[in-house]
Amino acid sequence: MSAPIVFFDLAGPDETALRAFYEHVFDWPCGQPGNFMPGNLPKLDGAIRQDPAEKVLYVGVPDVTATLSVVEEAGGTIDVPRFEVPGVVVLGLFKDPAGNRMGLVEMDGDAPVVP
């Protein structure tokens, strides 16, 4: 059996600001010392690609454009606005207030929107 991903963390110089950002944008309840439990789907896919080294977590949202607006309101920045990969998925990329690069996947219920 493959080893599952069971945990992730997000780091930055101001833990309080990061907690507030993720609570506001994604409704992730962040307690002390910053632990949270995002709503996860039963299946988590991954990809390996040839690009500069990085890791990106993708959060499923009903509307990538609307969520990117909330990201900006909460102190994040848009890295790549909403775009479509035909036949695959709808995406957007942002940076949180600490500069962590994250992704958004447009979802219709429990399934990604496929353009």
C-alpha atoms as a PDB file:
ATOM      1  CA  MET A   1       0.000   0.000   0.000  1.00  0.00           C
ATOM      2  CA  SER A   2       1.288   3.493  -0.797  1.00  0.00           C
ATOM      3  CA  ALA A   3       2.064   5.790   2.104  1.00  0.00           C
ATOM      4  CA  PRO A   4      -0.700   8.427   2.553  1.00  0.00           C
ATOM      5  CA  ILE A   5      -0.182  12.144   3.070  1.00  0.00           C
ATOM      6  CA  VAL A   6      -1.431  12.615   6.610  1.00  0.00           C
ATOM      7  CA  PHE A   7      -0.437  16.178   7.532  1.00  0.00           C
ATOM      8  CA  PHE A   8       0.825  19.479   6.158  1.00  0.00           C
ATOM      9  CA  ASP A   9       1.874  22.757   7.698  1.00  0.00           C
ATOM     10  CA  LEU A  10       2.131  26.360   6.538  1.00  0.00           C
ATOM     11  CA  ALA A  11       4.834  28.615   7.944  1.00  0.00           C
ATOM     12  CA  GLY A  12       5.531  32.323   8.089  1.00  0.00           C
ATOM     13  CA  PRO A  13       6.913  34.983  10.407  1.00  0.00           C
ATOM     14  CA  ASP A  14       3.473  35.952  11.792  1.00  0.00           C
ATOM     15  CA  GLU A  15       1.498  32.884  12.886  1.00  0.00           C
ATOM     16  CA  THR A  16      -1.461  34.990  14.060  1.00  0.00           C
ATOM     17  CA  ALA A  17      -1.786  36.650  10.636  1.00  0.00           C
ATOM     18  CA  LEU A  18      -1.613  33.287   8.838  1.00  0.00           C
ATOM     19  CA  ARG A  19      -4.273  31.789  11.123  1.00  0.00           C
ATOM     20  CA  ALA A  20      -6.555  34.770  10.468  1.00  0.00           C
ATOM     21  CA  PHE A  21      -5.941  34.552   6.704  1.00  0.00           C
ATOM     22  CA  TYR A  22      -6.839  30.854   6.371  1.00  0.00           C
ATOM     23  CA  GLU A  23      -9.804  31.150   8.733  1.00  0.00           C
ATOM     24  CA  HIS A  24     -11.169  34.062   6.685  1.00  0.00           C
ATOM     25  CA  VAL A  25     -10.474  32.789   3.162  1.00  0.00           C
ATOM     26  CA  PHE A  26     -11.228  29.058   3.559  1.00  0.00           C
ATOM     27  CA  ASP A  27     -13.171  28.847   6.835  1.00  0.00           C
ATOM     28  CA  TRP A  28     -10.499  26.567   8.332  1.00  0.00           C
ATOM     29  CA  PRO A  29     -10.947  26.718  12.113  1.00  0.00           C
ATOM     30  CA  CYS A  30      -7.436  27.444  13.434  1.00  0.00           C
ATOM     31  CA  GLY A  31      -7.025  26.926  17.163  1.00  0.00           C
ATOM     32  CA  GLN A  32      -3.980  27.283  19.325  1.00  0.00           C
ATOM     33  CA  PRO A  33      -1.176  26.645  18.496  1.00  0.00           C
ATOM     34  CA  GLY A  34      -2.456  27.029  14.944  1.00  0.00           C
ATOM     35  CA  ASN A  35      -3.651  23.477  14.286  1.00  0.00           C
ATOM     36  CA  PHE A  36      -6.595  23.123  11.925  1.00  0.00           C
ATOM     37  CA  MET A  37      -8.594  20.484  10.094  1.00  0.00           C
ATOM     38  CA  PRO A  38      -9.512  21.443   6.523  1.00  0.00           C
ATOM     39  CA  GLY A  39     -12.457  19.646   4.983  1.00  0.00           C
ATOM     40  CA  ASN A  40     -10.868  16.890   2.924  1.00  0.00           C
ATOM     41  CA  LEU A  41     -12.279  14.747   0.177  1.00  0.00           C
ATOM     42  CA  PRO A  42     -11.815  10.987   0.570  1.00  0.00           C
ATOM     43  CA  LYS A  43      -9.329  10.911  -2.331  1.00  0.00           C
ATOM     44  CA  LEU A  44      -6.218  13.065  -2.631  1.00  0.00           C
ATOM     45  CA  ASP A  45      -4.399  13.016  -5.983  1.00  0.00           C
ATOM     46  CA  GLY A  46      -0.908  14.320  -6.646  1.00  0.00           C
ATOM     47  CA  ALA A  47       1.332  15.213  -9.573  1.00  0.00           C
ATOM     48  CA  ILE A  48       5.052  15.361 -10.278  1.00  0.00           C
ATOM     49  CA  ARG A  49       6.110  17.898 -12.894  1.00  0.00           C
ATOM     50  CA  GLN A  50       9.285  19.322 -14.356  1.00  0.00           C
ATOM     51  CA  ASP A  51       9.573  22.914 -13.153  1.00  0.00           C
ATOM     52  CA  PRO A  52      11.656  24.775 -10.569  1.00  0.00           C
ATOM     53  CA  ALA A  53      11.496  22.973  -7.212  1.00  0.00           C
ATOM     54  CA  GLU A  54       8.448  23.814  -5.109  1.00  0.00           C
ATOM     55  CA  LYS A  55       5.393  22.214  -3.567  1.00  0.00           C
ATOM     56  CA  VAL A  56       1.910  23.591  -4.050  1.00  0.00           C
ATOM     57  CA  LEU A  57      -1.190  22.641  -2.081  1.00  0.00           C
ATOM     58  CA  TYR A  58      -4.440  23.082  -4.012  1.00  0.00           C
ATOM     59  CA  VAL A  59      -7.647  23.991  -2.187  1.00  0.00           C
ATOM     60  CA  GLY A  60     -11.009  23.126  -3.775  1.00  0.00           C
ATOM     61  CA  VAL A  61     -13.389  26.096  -4.023  1.00  0.00           C
ATOM     62  CA  PRO A  62     -16.661  26.693  -5.873  1.00  0.00           C
ATOM     63  CA  ASP A  63     -15.388  29.817  -7.683  1.00  0.00           C
ATOM     64  CA  VAL A  64     -11.671  30.490  -8.251  1.00  0.00           C
ATOM     65  CA  THR A  65     -12.165  34.148  -9.252  1.00  0.00           C
ATOM     66  CA  ALA A  66     -14.325  34.955  -6.212  1.00  0.00           C
ATOM     67  CA  THR A  67     -11.890  33.204  -3.867  1.00  0.00           C
ATOM     68  CA  LEU A  68      -8.926  35.110  -5.333  1.00  0.00           C
ATOM     69  CA  SER A  69     -10.790  38.326  -4.504  1.00  0.00           C
ATOM     70  CA  VAL A  70     -11.137  37.173  -0.890  1.00  0.00           C
ATOM     71  CA  VAL A  71      -7.442  36.222  -0.881  1.00  0.00           C
ATOM     72  CA  GLU A  72      -6.554  39.822  -1.800  1.00  0.00           C
ATOM     73  CA  GLU A  73      -8.980  41.275   0.763  1.00  0.00           C
ATOM     74  CA  ALA A  74      -7.338  39.113   3.443  1.00  0.00           C
ATOM     75  CA  GLY A  75      -3.784  40.252   2.618  1.00  0.00           C
ATOM     76  CA  GLY A  76      -2.686  37.640   0.085  1.00  0.00           C
ATOM     77  CA  THR A  77      -1.682  38.265  -3.525  1.00  0.00           C
ATOM     78  CA  ILE A  78      -2.793  36.719  -6.791  1.00  0.00           C
ATOM     79  CA  ASP A  79       0.093  34.852  -8.392  1.00  0.00           C
ATOM     80  CA  VAL A  80      -1.800  33.528 -11.449  1.00  0.00           C
ATOM     81  CA  PRO A  81      -5.452  34.491 -12.059  1.00  0.00           C
ATOM     82  CA  ARG A  82      -8.091  31.905 -12.932  1.00  0.00           C
ATOM     83  CA  PHE A  83      -7.145  29.812 -15.967  1.00  0.00           C
ATOM     84  CA  GLU A  84      -8.419  26.670 -17.622  1.00  0.00           C
ATOM     85  CA  VAL A  85      -6.526  23.556 -18.633  1.00  0.00           C
ATOM     86  CA  PRO A  86      -8.943  22.214 -21.288  1.00  0.00           C
ATOM     87  CA  GLY A  87     -10.191  18.732 -20.501  1.00  0.00           C
ATOM     88  CA  VAL A  88      -8.449  18.738 -17.114  1.00  0.00           C
ATOM     89  CA  VAL A  89      -9.226  21.451 -14.538  1.00  0.00           C
ATOM     90  CA  VAL A  90      -9.804  25.146 -13.693  1.00  0.00           C
ATOM     91  CA  LEU A  91      -7.046  26.664 -11.534  1.00  0.00           C
ATOM     92  CA  GLY A  92      -5.719  29.806  -9.913  1.00  0.00           C
ATOM     93  CA  LEU A  93      -2.584  30.458  -7.849  1.00  0.00           C
ATOM     94  CA  PHE A  94      -1.986  32.849  -4.967  1.00  0.00           C
ATOM     95  CA  LYS A  95       0.504  33.661  -2.233  1.00  0.00           C
ATOM     96  CA  ASP A  96      -0.596  33.934   1.374  1.00  0.00           C
ATOM     97  CA  PRO A  97       0.594  36.891   3.503  1.00  0.00           C
ATOM     98  CA  ALA A  98       3.814  35.000   4.348  1.00  0.00           C
ATOM     99  CA  GLY A  99       4.582  34.304   0.679  1.00  0.00           C
ATOM    100  CA  ASN A 100       3.568  30.611   0.629  1.00  0.00           C
ATOM    101  CA  ARG A 101       2.408  29.736  -2.898  1.00  0.00           C
ATOM    102  CA  MET A 102      -0.914  27.906  -2.951  1.00  0.00           C
ATOM    103  CA  GLY A 103      -3.360  26.822  -5.624  1.00  0.00           C
ATOM    104  CA  LEU A 104      -7.111  26.789  -6.080  1.00  0.00           C
ATOM    105  CA  VAL A 105      -9.122  24.197  -8.004  1.00  0.00           C
ATOM    106  CA  GLU A 106     -12.648  25.106  -9.064  1.00  0.00           C
ATOM    107  CA  MET A 107     -15.026  22.432  -7.767  1.00  0.00           C
ATOM    108  CA  ASP A 108     -18.615  21.403  -8.484  1.00  0.00           C
ATOM    109  CA  GLY A 109     -19.474  19.586  -5.292  1.00  0.00           C
ATOM    110  CA  ASP A 110     -16.838  16.891  -4.757  1.00  0.00           C
ATOM    111  CA  ALA A 111     -15.561  16.950  -8.356  1.00  0.00           C
ATOM    112  CA  PRO A 112     -13.245  19.400 -10.120  1.00  0.00           C
ATOM    113  CA  VAL A 113     -14.760  21.494 -12.894  1.00  0.00           C
ATOM    114  CA  VAL A 114     -13.432  20.203 -16.214  1.00  0.00           C
ATOM    115  CA  PRO A 115     -13.592  22.842 -18.980  1.00  0.00           C
END
